[in-house]
Amino acid sequence: VAMSPPVSAAAVMIVQSDVKTLPQKTNTTSYST
């Protein structure tokens, strides 16, 4: 059983990504992170 603080205790948000830069999309290739 995962015992978690209540939603009201939310105080910190941390956002991260695999990369800081992506190549732009071409006609045949898309890039994502």
ModelCIF file with pLDDT and N, C-alpha, C, O atoms, coordinates in Angstrom:
data_MODEL
#
_entry.id   MODEL 
#
_entity.id                         1 
_entity.type                       polymer 
_entity.pdbx_number_of_molecules   1 
#
_entity_poly.entity_id                      1 
_entity_poly.type                           'polypeptide(L)' 
_entity_poly.nstd_linkage                   no 
_entity_poly.nstd_monomer                   no 
_entity_poly.pdbx_seq_one_letter_code       VAMSPPVSAAAVMIVQSDVKTLPQKTNTTSYST 
_entity_poly.pdbx_seq_one_letter_code_can   VAMSPPVSAAAVMIVQSDVKTLPQKTNTTSYST 
_entity_poly.pdbx_strand_id                 A 
#
loop_
_entity_poly_seq.entity_id 
_entity_poly_seq.num 
_entity_poly_seq.mon_id 
_entity_poly_seq.hetero 
1 1  VAL n 
1 2  ALA n 
1 3  MET n 
1 4  SER n 
1 5  PRO n 
1 6  PRO n 
1 7  VAL n 
1 8  SER n 
1 9  ALA n 
1 10 ALA n 
1 11 ALA n 
1 12 VAL n 
1 13 MET n 
1 14 ILE n 
1 15 VAL n 
1 16 GLN n 
1 17 SER n 
1 18 ASP n 
1 19 VAL n 
1 20 LYS n 
1 21 THR n 
1 22 LEU n 
1 23 PRO n 
1 24 GLN n 
1 25 LYS n 
1 26 THR n 
1 27 ASN n 
1 28 THR n 
1 29 THR n 
1 30 SER n 
1 31 TYR n 
1 32 SER n 
1 33 THR n 
#
_struct_asym.id          A 
_struct_asym.entity_id   1 
#
loop_
_ma_qa_metric.id 
_ma_qa_metric.mode 
_ma_qa_metric.name 
_ma_qa_metric.software_group_id 
_ma_qa_metric.type 
1 global pLDDT . pLDDT 
2 local  pLDDT . pLDDT 
#
_ma_qa_metric_global.metric_id      1 
_ma_qa_metric_global.metric_value   90.12 
_ma_qa_metric_global.model_id       1 
_ma_qa_metric_global.ordinal_id     1 
#
loop_
_ma_qa_metric_local.label_asym_id 
_ma_qa_metric_local.label_comp_id 
_ma_qa_metric_local.label_seq_id 
_ma_qa_metric_local.metric_id 
_ma_qa_metric_local.metric_value 
_ma_qa_metric_local.model_id 
_ma_qa_metric_local.ordinal_id 
A VAL 1  2 94.00 1 1  
A ALA 2  2 91.00 1 2  
A MET 3  2 92.00 1 3  
A SER 4  2 91.00 1 4  
A PRO 5  2 89.00 1 5  
A PRO 6  2 87.00 1 6  
A VAL 7  2 89.00 1 7  
A SER 8  2 88.00 1 8  
A ALA 9  2 89.00 1 9  
A ALA 10 2 92.00 1 10 
A ALA 11 2 93.00 1 11 
A VAL 12 2 94.00 1 12 
A MET 13 2 95.00 1 13 
A ILE 14 2 96.00 1 14 
A VAL 15 2 96.00 1 15 
A GLN 16 2 95.00 1 16 
A SER 17 2 93.00 1 17 
A ASP 18 2 86.00 1 18 
A VAL 19 2 88.00 1 19 
A LYS 20 2 88.00 1 20 
A THR 21 2 90.00 1 21 
A LEU 22 2 91.00 1 22 
A PRO 23 2 92.00 1 23 
A GLN 24 2 88.00 1 24 
A LYS 25 2 89.00 1 25 
A THR 26 2 87.00 1 26 
A ASN 27 2 84.00 1 27 
A THR 28 2 82.00 1 28 
A THR 29 2 86.00 1 29 
A SER 30 2 85.00 1 30 
A TYR 31 2 90.00 1 31 
A SER 32 2 91.00 1 32 
A THR 33 2 93.00 1 33 
#
loop_
_atom_site.group_PDB 
_atom_site.id 
_atom_site.type_symbol 
_atom_site.label_atom_id 
_atom_site.label_alt_id 
_atom_site.label_comp_id 
_atom_site.label_asym_id 
_atom_site.label_entity_id 
_atom_site.label_seq_id 
_atom_site.pdbx_PDB_ins_code 
_atom_site.Cartn_x 
_atom_site.Cartn_y 
_atom_site.Cartn_z 
_atom_site.occupancy 
_atom_site.B_iso_or_equiv 
_atom_site.pdbx_formal_charge 
_atom_site.auth_seq_id 
_atom_site.auth_comp_id 
_atom_site.auth_asym_id 
_atom_site.auth_atom_id 
_atom_site.pdbx_PDB_model_num 
ATOM 1   N N  . VAL A 1 1  ? 0.856  -1.181 0.000   1.00 94.00 ? 1  VAL A N  1 
ATOM 2   C CA . VAL A 1 1  ? 0.000  0.000  0.000   1.00 94.00 ? 1  VAL A CA 1 
ATOM 3   C C  . VAL A 1 1  ? 0.893  1.233  0.000   1.00 94.00 ? 1  VAL A C  1 
ATOM 4   O O  . VAL A 1 1  ? 1.725  1.413  0.889   1.00 94.00 ? 1  VAL A O  1 
ATOM 5   N N  . ALA A 1 2  ? 0.707  2.081  -1.013  1.00 91.00 ? 2  ALA A N  1 
ATOM 6   C CA . ALA A 1 2  ? 1.476  3.318  -1.085  1.00 91.00 ? 2  ALA A CA 1 
ATOM 7   C C  . ALA A 1 2  ? 0.776  4.380  -0.260  1.00 91.00 ? 2  ALA A C  1 
ATOM 8   O O  . ALA A 1 2  ? -0.318 4.829  -0.603  1.00 91.00 ? 2  ALA A O  1 
ATOM 9   N N  . MET A 1 3  ? 1.420  4.779  0.839   1.00 92.00 ? 3  MET A N  1 
ATOM 10  C CA . MET A 1 3  ? 0.856  5.813  1.700   1.00 92.00 ? 3  MET A CA 1 
ATOM 11  C C  . MET A 1 3  ? 1.448  7.142  1.301   1.00 92.00 ? 3  MET A C  1 
ATOM 12  O O  . MET A 1 3  ? 2.646  7.382  1.445   1.00 92.00 ? 3  MET A O  1 
ATOM 13  N N  . SER A 1 4  ? 0.590  7.994  0.799   1.00 91.00 ? 4  SER A N  1 
ATOM 14  C CA . SER A 1 4  ? 1.032  9.250  0.205   1.00 91.00 ? 4  SER A CA 1 
ATOM 15  C C  . SER A 1 4  ? 0.470  10.436 0.980   1.00 91.00 ? 4  SER A C  1 
ATOM 16  O O  . SER A 1 4  ? -0.637 10.364 1.512   1.00 91.00 ? 4  SER A O  1 
ATOM 17  N N  . PRO A 1 5  ? 1.237  11.533 1.044   1.00 89.00 ? 5  PRO A N  1 
ATOM 18  C CA . PRO A 1 5  ? 0.678  12.747 1.651   1.00 89.00 ? 5  PRO A CA 1 
ATOM 19  C C  . PRO A 1 5  ? -0.594 13.157 0.915   1.00 89.00 ? 5  PRO A C  1 
ATOM 20  O O  . PRO A 1 5  ? -0.763 12.801 -0.252  1.00 89.00 ? 5  PRO A O  1 
ATOM 21  N N  . PRO A 1 6  ? -1.477 13.883 1.553   1.00 87.00 ? 6  PRO A N  1 
ATOM 22  C CA . PRO A 1 6  ? -2.699 14.327 0.875   1.00 87.00 ? 6  PRO A CA 1 
ATOM 23  C C  . PRO A 1 6  ? -2.382 15.308 -0.242  1.00 87.00 ? 6  PRO A C  1 
ATOM 24  O O  . PRO A 1 6  ? -1.336 15.957 -0.236  1.00 87.00 ? 6  PRO A O  1 
ATOM 25  N N  . VAL A 1 7  ? -3.291 15.409 -1.194  1.00 89.00 ? 7  VAL A N  1 
ATOM 26  C CA . VAL A 1 7  ? -3.087 16.309 -2.331  1.00 89.00 ? 7  VAL A CA 1 
ATOM 27  C C  . VAL A 1 7  ? -2.873 17.745 -1.850  1.00 89.00 ? 7  VAL A C  1 
ATOM 28  O O  . VAL A 1 7  ? -2.154 18.520 -2.481  1.00 89.00 ? 7  VAL A O  1 
ATOM 29  N N  . SER A 1 8  ? -3.492 18.084 -0.751  1.00 88.00 ? 8  SER A N  1 
ATOM 30  C CA . SER A 1 8  ? -3.367 19.452 -0.242  1.00 88.00 ? 8  SER A CA 1 
ATOM 31  C C  . SER A 1 8  ? -1.951 19.784 0.218   1.00 88.00 ? 8  SER A C  1 
ATOM 32  O O  . SER A 1 8  ? -1.622 20.952 0.428   1.00 88.00 ? 8  SER A O  1 
ATOM 33  N N  . ALA A 1 9  ? -1.096 18.736 0.380   1.00 89.00 ? 9  ALA A N  1 
ATOM 34  C CA . ALA A 1 9  ? 0.275  18.974 0.826   1.00 89.00 ? 9  ALA A CA 1 
ATOM 35  C C  . ALA A 1 9  ? 1.215  19.301 -0.327  1.00 89.00 ? 9  ALA A C  1 
ATOM 36  O O  . ALA A 1 9  ? 2.404  19.535 -0.109  1.00 89.00 ? 9  ALA A O  1 
ATOM 37  N N  . ALA A 1 10 ? 0.695  19.320 -1.548  1.00 92.00 ? 10 ALA A N  1 
ATOM 38  C CA . ALA A 1 10 ? 1.550  19.607 -2.711  1.00 92.00 ? 10 ALA A CA 1 
ATOM 39  C C  . ALA A 1 10 ? 2.189  20.982 -2.567  1.00 92.00 ? 10 ALA A C  1 
ATOM 40  O O  . ALA A 1 10 ? 1.494  21.988 -2.426  1.00 92.00 ? 10 ALA A O  1 
ATOM 41  N N  . ALA A 1 11 ? 3.524  21.014 -2.603  1.00 93.00 ? 11 ALA A N  1 
ATOM 42  C CA . ALA A 1 11 ? 4.234  22.275 -2.396  1.00 93.00 ? 11 ALA A CA 1 
ATOM 43  C C  . ALA A 1 11 ? 5.372  22.484 -3.380  1.00 93.00 ? 11 ALA A C  1 
ATOM 44  O O  . ALA A 1 11 ? 5.815  23.616 -3.575  1.00 93.00 ? 11 ALA A O  1 
ATOM 45  N N  . VAL A 1 12 ? 5.853  21.414 -4.003  1.00 94.00 ? 12 VAL A N  1 
ATOM 46  C CA . VAL A 1 12 ? 7.015  21.512 -4.888  1.00 94.00 ? 12 VAL A CA 1 
ATOM 47  C C  . VAL A 1 12 ? 6.691  20.804 -6.196  1.00 94.00 ? 12 VAL A C  1 
ATOM 48  O O  . VAL A 1 12 ? 6.174  19.687 -6.207  1.00 94.00 ? 12 VAL A O  1 
ATOM 49  N N  . MET A 1 13 ? 7.005  21.481 -7.299  1.00 95.00 ? 13 MET A N  1 
ATOM 50  C CA . MET A 1 13 ? 6.888  20.889 -8.632  1.00 95.00 ? 13 MET A CA 1 
ATOM 51  C C  . MET A 1 13 ? 8.273  20.905 -9.273  1.00 95.00 ? 13 MET A C  1 
ATOM 52  O O  . MET A 1 13 ? 8.965  21.923 -9.246  1.00 95.00 ? 13 MET A O  1 
ATOM 53  N N  . ILE A 1 14 ? 8.671  19.776 -9.846  1.00 96.00 ? 14 ILE A N  1 
ATOM 54  C CA . ILE A 1 14 ? 9.957  19.680 -10.551 1.00 96.00 ? 14 ILE A CA 1 
ATOM 55  C C  . ILE A 1 14 ? 9.688  19.119 -11.941 1.00 96.00 ? 14 ILE A C  1 
ATOM 56  O O  . ILE A 1 14 ? 9.146  18.023 -12.080 1.00 96.00 ? 14 ILE A O  1 
ATOM 57  N N  . VAL A 1 15 ? 10.071 19.880 -12.980 1.00 96.00 ? 15 VAL A N  1 
ATOM 58  C CA . VAL A 1 15 ? 9.881  19.452 -14.370 1.00 96.00 ? 15 VAL A CA 1 
ATOM 59  C C  . VAL A 1 15 ? 11.237 19.190 -14.998 1.00 96.00 ? 15 VAL A C  1 
ATOM 60  O O  . VAL A 1 15 ? 12.145 20.013 -14.887 1.00 96.00 ? 15 VAL A O  1 
ATOM 61  N N  . GLN A 1 16 ? 11.379 18.051 -15.654 1.00 95.00 ? 16 GLN A N  1 
ATOM 62  C CA . GLN A 1 16 ? 12.622 17.687 -16.334 1.00 95.00 ? 16 GLN A CA 1 
ATOM 63  C C  . GLN A 1 16 ? 12.313 17.113 -17.706 1.00 95.00 ? 16 GLN A C  1 
ATOM 64  O O  . GLN A 1 16 ? 11.200 16.666 -17.983 1.00 95.00 ? 16 GLN A O  1 
ATOM 65  N N  . SER A 1 17 ? 13.331 17.138 -18.557 1.00 93.00 ? 17 SER A N  1 
ATOM 66  C CA . SER A 1 17 ? 13.216 16.558 -19.902 1.00 93.00 ? 17 SER A CA 1 
ATOM 67  C C  . SER A 1 17 ? 14.497 15.804 -20.228 1.00 93.00 ? 17 SER A C  1 
ATOM 68  O O  . SER A 1 17 ? 15.558 16.080 -19.669 1.00 93.00 ? 17 SER A O  1 
ATOM 69  N N  . ASP A 1 18 ? 14.379 14.847 -21.142 1.00 86.00 ? 18 ASP A N  1 
ATOM 70  C CA . ASP A 1 18 ? 15.562 14.101 -21.574 1.00 86.00 ? 18 ASP A CA 1 
ATOM 71  C C  . ASP A 1 18 ? 16.565 15.001 -22.280 1.00 86.00 ? 18 ASP A C  1 
ATOM 72  O O  . ASP A 1 18 ? 17.768 14.746 -22.218 1.00 86.00 ? 18 ASP A O  1 
ATOM 73  N N  . VAL A 1 19 ? 16.097 16.040 -22.945 1.00 88.00 ? 19 VAL A N  1 
ATOM 74  C CA . VAL A 1 19 ? 16.985 16.892 -23.735 1.00 88.00 ? 19 VAL A CA 1 
ATOM 75  C C  . VAL A 1 19 ? 16.603 18.356 -23.558 1.00 88.00 ? 19 VAL A C  1 
ATOM 76  O O  . VAL A 1 19 ? 15.495 18.675 -23.127 1.00 88.00 ? 19 VAL A O  1 
ATOM 77  N N  . LYS A 1 20 ? 17.534 19.235 -23.896 1.00 88.00 ? 20 LYS A N  1 
ATOM 78  C CA . LYS A 1 20 ? 17.241 20.661 -23.936 1.00 88.00 ? 20 LYS A CA 1 
ATOM 79  C C  . LYS A 1 20 ? 16.965 21.142 -25.356 1.00 88.00 ? 20 LYS A C  1 
ATOM 80  O O  . LYS A 1 20 ? 16.352 22.191 -25.555 1.00 88.00 ? 20 LYS A O  1 
ATOM 81  N N  . THR A 1 21 ? 17.419 20.371 -26.341 1.00 90.00 ? 21 THR A N  1 
ATOM 82  C CA . THR A 1 21 ? 17.262 20.761 -27.749 1.00 90.00 ? 21 THR A CA 1 
ATOM 83  C C  . THR A 1 21 ? 16.819 19.570 -28.575 1.00 90.00 ? 21 THR A C  1 
ATOM 84  O O  . THR A 1 21 ? 17.328 18.465 -28.391 1.00 90.00 ? 21 THR A O  1 
ATOM 85  N N  . LEU A 1 22 ? 15.868 19.782 -29.494 1.00 91.00 ? 22 LEU A N  1 
ATOM 86  C CA . LEU A 1 22 ? 15.424 18.756 -30.438 1.00 91.00 ? 22 LEU A CA 1 
ATOM 87  C C  . LEU A 1 22 ? 15.658 19.240 -31.855 1.00 91.00 ? 22 LEU A C  1 
ATOM 88  O O  . LEU A 1 22 ? 15.464 20.423 -32.133 1.00 91.00 ? 22 LEU A O  1 
ATOM 89  N N  . PRO A 1 23 ? 16.077 18.348 -32.780 1.00 92.00 ? 23 PRO A N  1 
ATOM 90  C CA . PRO A 1 23 ? 16.090 18.722 -34.195 1.00 92.00 ? 23 PRO A CA 1 
ATOM 91  C C  . PRO A 1 23 ? 14.673 19.048 -34.659 1.00 92.00 ? 23 PRO A C  1 
ATOM 92  O O  . PRO A 1 23 ? 13.700 18.503 -34.137 1.00 92.00 ? 23 PRO A O  1 
ATOM 93  N N  . GLN A 1 24 ? 14.568 19.925 -35.626 1.00 88.00 ? 24 GLN A N  1 
ATOM 94  C CA . GLN A 1 24 ? 13.242 20.255 -36.121 1.00 88.00 ? 24 GLN A CA 1 
ATOM 95  C C  . GLN A 1 24 ? 12.715 19.152 -37.019 1.00 88.00 ? 24 GLN A C  1 
ATOM 96  O O  . GLN A 1 24 ? 13.486 18.416 -37.634 1.00 88.00 ? 24 GLN A O  1 
ATOM 97  N N  . LYS A 1 25 ? 11.403 19.045 -37.089 1.00 89.00 ? 25 LYS A N  1 
ATOM 98  C CA . LYS A 1 25 ? 10.740 18.014 -37.866 1.00 89.00 ? 25 LYS A CA 1 
ATOM 99  C C  . LYS A 1 25 ? 10.991 18.235 -39.351 1.00 89.00 ? 25 LYS A C  1 
ATOM 100 O O  . LYS A 1 25 ? 11.027 19.371 -39.825 1.00 89.00 ? 25 LYS A O  1 
ATOM 101 N N  . THR A 1 26 ? 11.169 17.113 -40.094 1.00 87.00 ? 26 THR A N  1 
ATOM 102 C CA . THR A 1 26 ? 11.292 17.168 -41.551 1.00 87.00 ? 26 THR A CA 1 
ATOM 103 C C  . THR A 1 26 ? 10.066 16.508 -42.161 1.00 87.00 ? 26 THR A C  1 
ATOM 104 O O  . THR A 1 26 ? 9.142  16.115 -41.448 1.00 87.00 ? 26 THR A O  1 
ATOM 105 N N  . ASN A 1 27 ? 10.064 16.389 -43.477 1.00 84.00 ? 27 ASN A N  1 
ATOM 106 C CA . ASN A 1 27 ? 8.926  15.751 -44.153 1.00 84.00 ? 27 ASN A CA 1 
ATOM 107 C C  . ASN A 1 27 ? 8.799  14.272 -43.787 1.00 84.00 ? 27 ASN A C  1 
ATOM 108 O O  . ASN A 1 27 ? 7.713  13.695 -43.853 1.00 84.00 ? 27 ASN A O  1 
ATOM 109 N N  . THR A 1 28 ? 9.922  13.672 -43.401 1.00 82.00 ? 28 THR A N  1 
ATOM 110 C CA . THR A 1 28 ? 9.913  12.222 -43.170 1.00 82.00 ? 28 THR A CA 1 
ATOM 111 C C  . THR A 1 28 ? 10.309 11.829 -41.759 1.00 82.00 ? 28 THR A C  1 
ATOM 112 O O  . THR A 1 28 ? 10.218 10.651 -41.413 1.00 82.00 ? 28 THR A O  1 
ATOM 113 N N  . THR A 1 29 ? 10.740 12.763 -40.936 1.00 86.00 ? 29 THR A N  1 
ATOM 114 C CA . THR A 1 29 ? 11.237 12.403 -39.611 1.00 86.00 ? 29 THR A CA 1 
ATOM 115 C C  . THR A 1 29 ? 10.708 13.357 -38.549 1.00 86.00 ? 29 THR A C  1 
ATOM 116 O O  . THR A 1 29 ? 10.743 14.576 -38.719 1.00 86.00 ? 29 THR A O  1 
ATOM 117 N N  . SER A 1 30 ? 10.214 12.783 -37.443 1.00 85.00 ? 30 SER A N  1 
ATOM 118 C CA . SER A 1 30 ? 9.809  13.573 -36.284 1.00 85.00 ? 30 SER A CA 1 
ATOM 119 C C  . SER A 1 30 ? 10.684 13.191 -35.098 1.00 85.00 ? 30 SER A C  1 
ATOM 120 O O  . SER A 1 30 ? 11.164 12.061 -35.006 1.00 85.00 ? 30 SER A O  1 
ATOM 121 N N  . TYR A 1 31 ? 10.886 14.144 -34.190 1.00 90.00 ? 31 TYR A N  1 
ATOM 122 C CA . TYR A 1 31 ? 11.715 13.895 -33.018 1.00 90.00 ? 31 TYR A CA 1 
ATOM 123 C C  . TYR A 1 31 ? 10.925 14.238 -31.766 1.00 90.00 ? 31 TYR A C  1 
ATOM 124 O O  . TYR A 1 31 ? 10.124 15.173 -31.765 1.00 90.00 ? 31 TYR A O  1 
ATOM 125 N N  . SER A 1 32 ? 11.154 13.475 -30.693 1.00 91.00 ? 32 SER A N  1 
ATOM 126 C CA . SER A 1 32 ? 10.408 13.718 -29.468 1.00 91.00 ? 32 SER A CA 1 
ATOM 127 C C  . SER A 1 32 ? 11.273 13.463 -28.255 1.00 91.00 ? 32 SER A C  1 
ATOM 128 O O  . SER A 1 32 ? 12.339 12.855 -28.354 1.00 91.00 ? 32 SER A O  1 
ATOM 129 N N  . THR A 1 33 ? 10.808 13.932 -27.106 1.00 93.00 ? 33 THR A N  1 
ATOM 130 C CA . THR A 1 33 ? 11.475 13.696 -25.838 1.00 93.00 ? 33 THR A CA 1 
ATOM 131 C C  . THR A 1 33 ? 10.420 13.542 -24.752 1.00 93.00 ? 33 THR A C  1 
ATOM 132 O O  . THR A 1 33 ? 10.759 13.333 -23.587 1.00 93.00 ? 33 THR A O  1 
#
